[in-house]
Amino acid sequence: MLDGKTVGVSVPAYKEERFIVEVIETMPHFVDKIIIVNDGSPDSTGELIDKAAATNAKVHPVHHEVNQGLGQSLIDGYLEARELGMDVVAVMAGDGQMAPADLESVVRPII
């Protein structure tokens, strides 16, 4: 929570087994839900997400059975955030392209 608002982060992920755990572990403390959309990854991305969800209540997995593309992953992440009642939603790539320290400056103007 940040300034009394719930914050969700949607993480589209496809073949991100090398990066997804670090993305989860470095998520800022104020993030209430980490919605990870596994877009039909043929590697162990899905299993790693589920394993993280088993020990971290913030992690909320969404799994596509088959790859649907980045656009659908983004849509599904936003829809899931709405279902979870998040006040603010941001997107962070599943491969760690965005520095977690930058997230606060992204969501504060929205709040």
Protein backbone atom coordinates (compact mmCIF):
# COMPACT_ATOMS: atom_id res chain seq x y z
CA MET A 1 0.00 0.00 0.00
CA LEU A 2 1.21 3.48 -0.86
CA ASP A 3 -0.49 6.59 0.49
CA GLY A 4 -3.53 4.53 1.43
CA LYS A 5 -3.93 3.02 -2.05
CA THR A 6 -3.46 -0.62 -3.00
CA VAL A 7 -0.81 -1.19 -5.63
CA GLY A 8 -0.76 -4.09 -8.05
CA VAL A 9 1.98 -4.93 -10.50
CA SER A 10 1.20 -6.95 -13.59
CA VAL A 11 4.13 -8.99 -14.84
CA PRO A 12 3.77 -10.53 -18.30
CA ALA A 13 6.08 -13.53 -18.48
CA TYR A 14 7.07 -15.79 -21.34
CA LYS A 15 10.17 -17.98 -21.08
CA GLU A 16 11.42 -16.04 -18.06
CA GLU A 17 12.74 -18.90 -15.93
CA ARG A 18 16.12 -17.15 -15.57
CA PHE A 19 14.64 -13.88 -14.28
CA ILE A 20 11.18 -14.33 -12.74
CA VAL A 21 12.32 -15.25 -9.22
CA GLU A 22 14.51 -12.15 -9.01
CA VAL A 23 11.65 -9.98 -10.30
CA ILE A 24 9.44 -11.32 -7.50
CA GLU A 25 12.11 -11.04 -4.80
CA THR A 26 13.03 -7.44 -5.68
CA MET A 27 9.46 -6.12 -5.87
CA PRO A 28 9.12 -3.04 -3.62
CA HIS A 29 7.53 -3.61 -0.21
CA PHE A 30 4.53 -1.34 -0.92
CA VAL A 31 3.25 -3.61 -3.71
CA ASP A 32 0.14 -5.46 -2.53
CA LYS A 33 -0.27 -7.94 -5.40
CA ILE A 34 2.19 -9.24 -7.98
CA ILE A 35 0.01 -10.54 -10.79
CA ILE A 36 2.21 -12.71 -12.97
CA VAL A 37 0.73 -13.79 -16.29
CA ASN A 38 2.57 -16.86 -17.50
CA ASP A 39 1.85 -16.77 -21.22
CA GLY A 40 2.10 -20.48 -21.96
CA SER A 41 5.82 -20.69 -21.29
CA PRO A 42 7.30 -24.05 -22.34
CA ASP A 43 10.09 -23.73 -19.76
CA SER A 44 9.81 -23.77 -15.93
CA THR A 45 8.44 -20.21 -15.64
CA GLY A 46 5.01 -21.45 -14.57
CA GLU A 47 6.37 -23.79 -11.91
CA LEU A 48 8.60 -21.06 -10.49
CA ILE A 49 5.64 -18.68 -10.27
CA ASP A 50 3.49 -21.28 -8.52
CA LYS A 51 6.31 -22.10 -6.10
CA ALA A 52 6.67 -18.41 -5.25
CA ALA A 53 2.91 -18.09 -4.77
CA ALA A 54 2.97 -20.95 -2.26
CA THR A 55 5.25 -18.97 0.04
CA ASN A 56 4.41 -15.35 -0.84
CA ALA A 57 0.77 -14.24 -0.51
CA LYS A 58 1.45 -11.24 -2.74
CA VAL A 59 2.13 -13.44 -5.77
CA HIS A 60 -1.01 -14.07 -7.82
CA PRO A 61 -0.41 -16.39 -10.79
CA VAL A 62 -2.44 -16.35 -14.00
CA HIS A 63 -1.62 -19.08 -16.50
CA HIS A 64 -2.38 -19.17 -20.21
CA GLU A 65 -2.44 -22.74 -21.48
CA VAL A 66 -1.03 -21.58 -24.82
CA ASN A 67 0.93 -18.48 -25.76
CA GLN A 68 -1.45 -15.61 -26.50
CA GLY A 69 1.07 -12.81 -26.89
CA LEU A 70 2.10 -9.78 -24.91
CA GLY A 71 -1.07 -7.83 -25.65
CA GLN A 72 -3.36 -10.47 -24.18
CA SER A 73 -1.05 -10.93 -21.21
CA LEU A 74 -1.27 -7.20 -20.48
CA ILE A 75 -5.06 -7.23 -20.82
CA ASP A 76 -5.40 -10.24 -18.52
CA GLY A 77 -3.07 -8.69 -15.94
CA TYR A 78 -5.12 -5.49 -15.84
CA LEU A 79 -8.40 -7.41 -15.66
CA GLU A 80 -7.09 -9.54 -12.80
CA ALA A 81 -5.89 -6.43 -10.93
CA ARG A 82 -9.38 -4.97 -11.26
CA GLU A 83 -10.91 -8.20 -9.94
CA LEU A 84 -8.53 -8.06 -6.98
CA GLY A 85 -9.60 -4.48 -6.25
CA MET A 86 -6.27 -2.78 -6.85
CA ASP A 87 -6.40 1.03 -6.85
CA VAL A 88 -3.27 1.44 -8.98
CA VAL A 89 -1.69 -0.96 -11.46
CA ALA A 90 1.69 -0.80 -13.13
CA VAL A 91 3.45 -3.20 -15.48
CA MET A 92 6.93 -4.58 -14.95
CA ALA A 93 8.54 -6.95 -17.45
CA GLY A 94 9.19 -10.53 -16.38
CA ASP A 95 12.84 -10.26 -17.41
CA GLY A 96 13.75 -7.51 -14.96
CA GLN A 97 14.06 -4.69 -17.52
CA MET A 98 12.64 -2.16 -15.07
CA ALA A 99 14.52 -1.21 -11.94
CA PRO A 100 12.27 -1.92 -8.93
CA ALA A 101 13.42 1.34 -7.33
CA ASP A 102 11.72 3.24 -10.19
CA LEU A 103 8.26 1.86 -9.46
CA GLU A 104 7.35 4.38 -6.79
CA SER A 105 8.00 7.32 -9.13
CA VAL A 106 5.77 5.63 -11.73
CA VAL A 107 2.76 5.04 -9.46
CA ARG A 108 2.84 8.20 -7.31
CA PRO A 109 1.46 10.49 -10.07
CA ILE A 110 -1.39 8.02 -10.58
CA ILE A 111 -2.22 8.04 -6.88
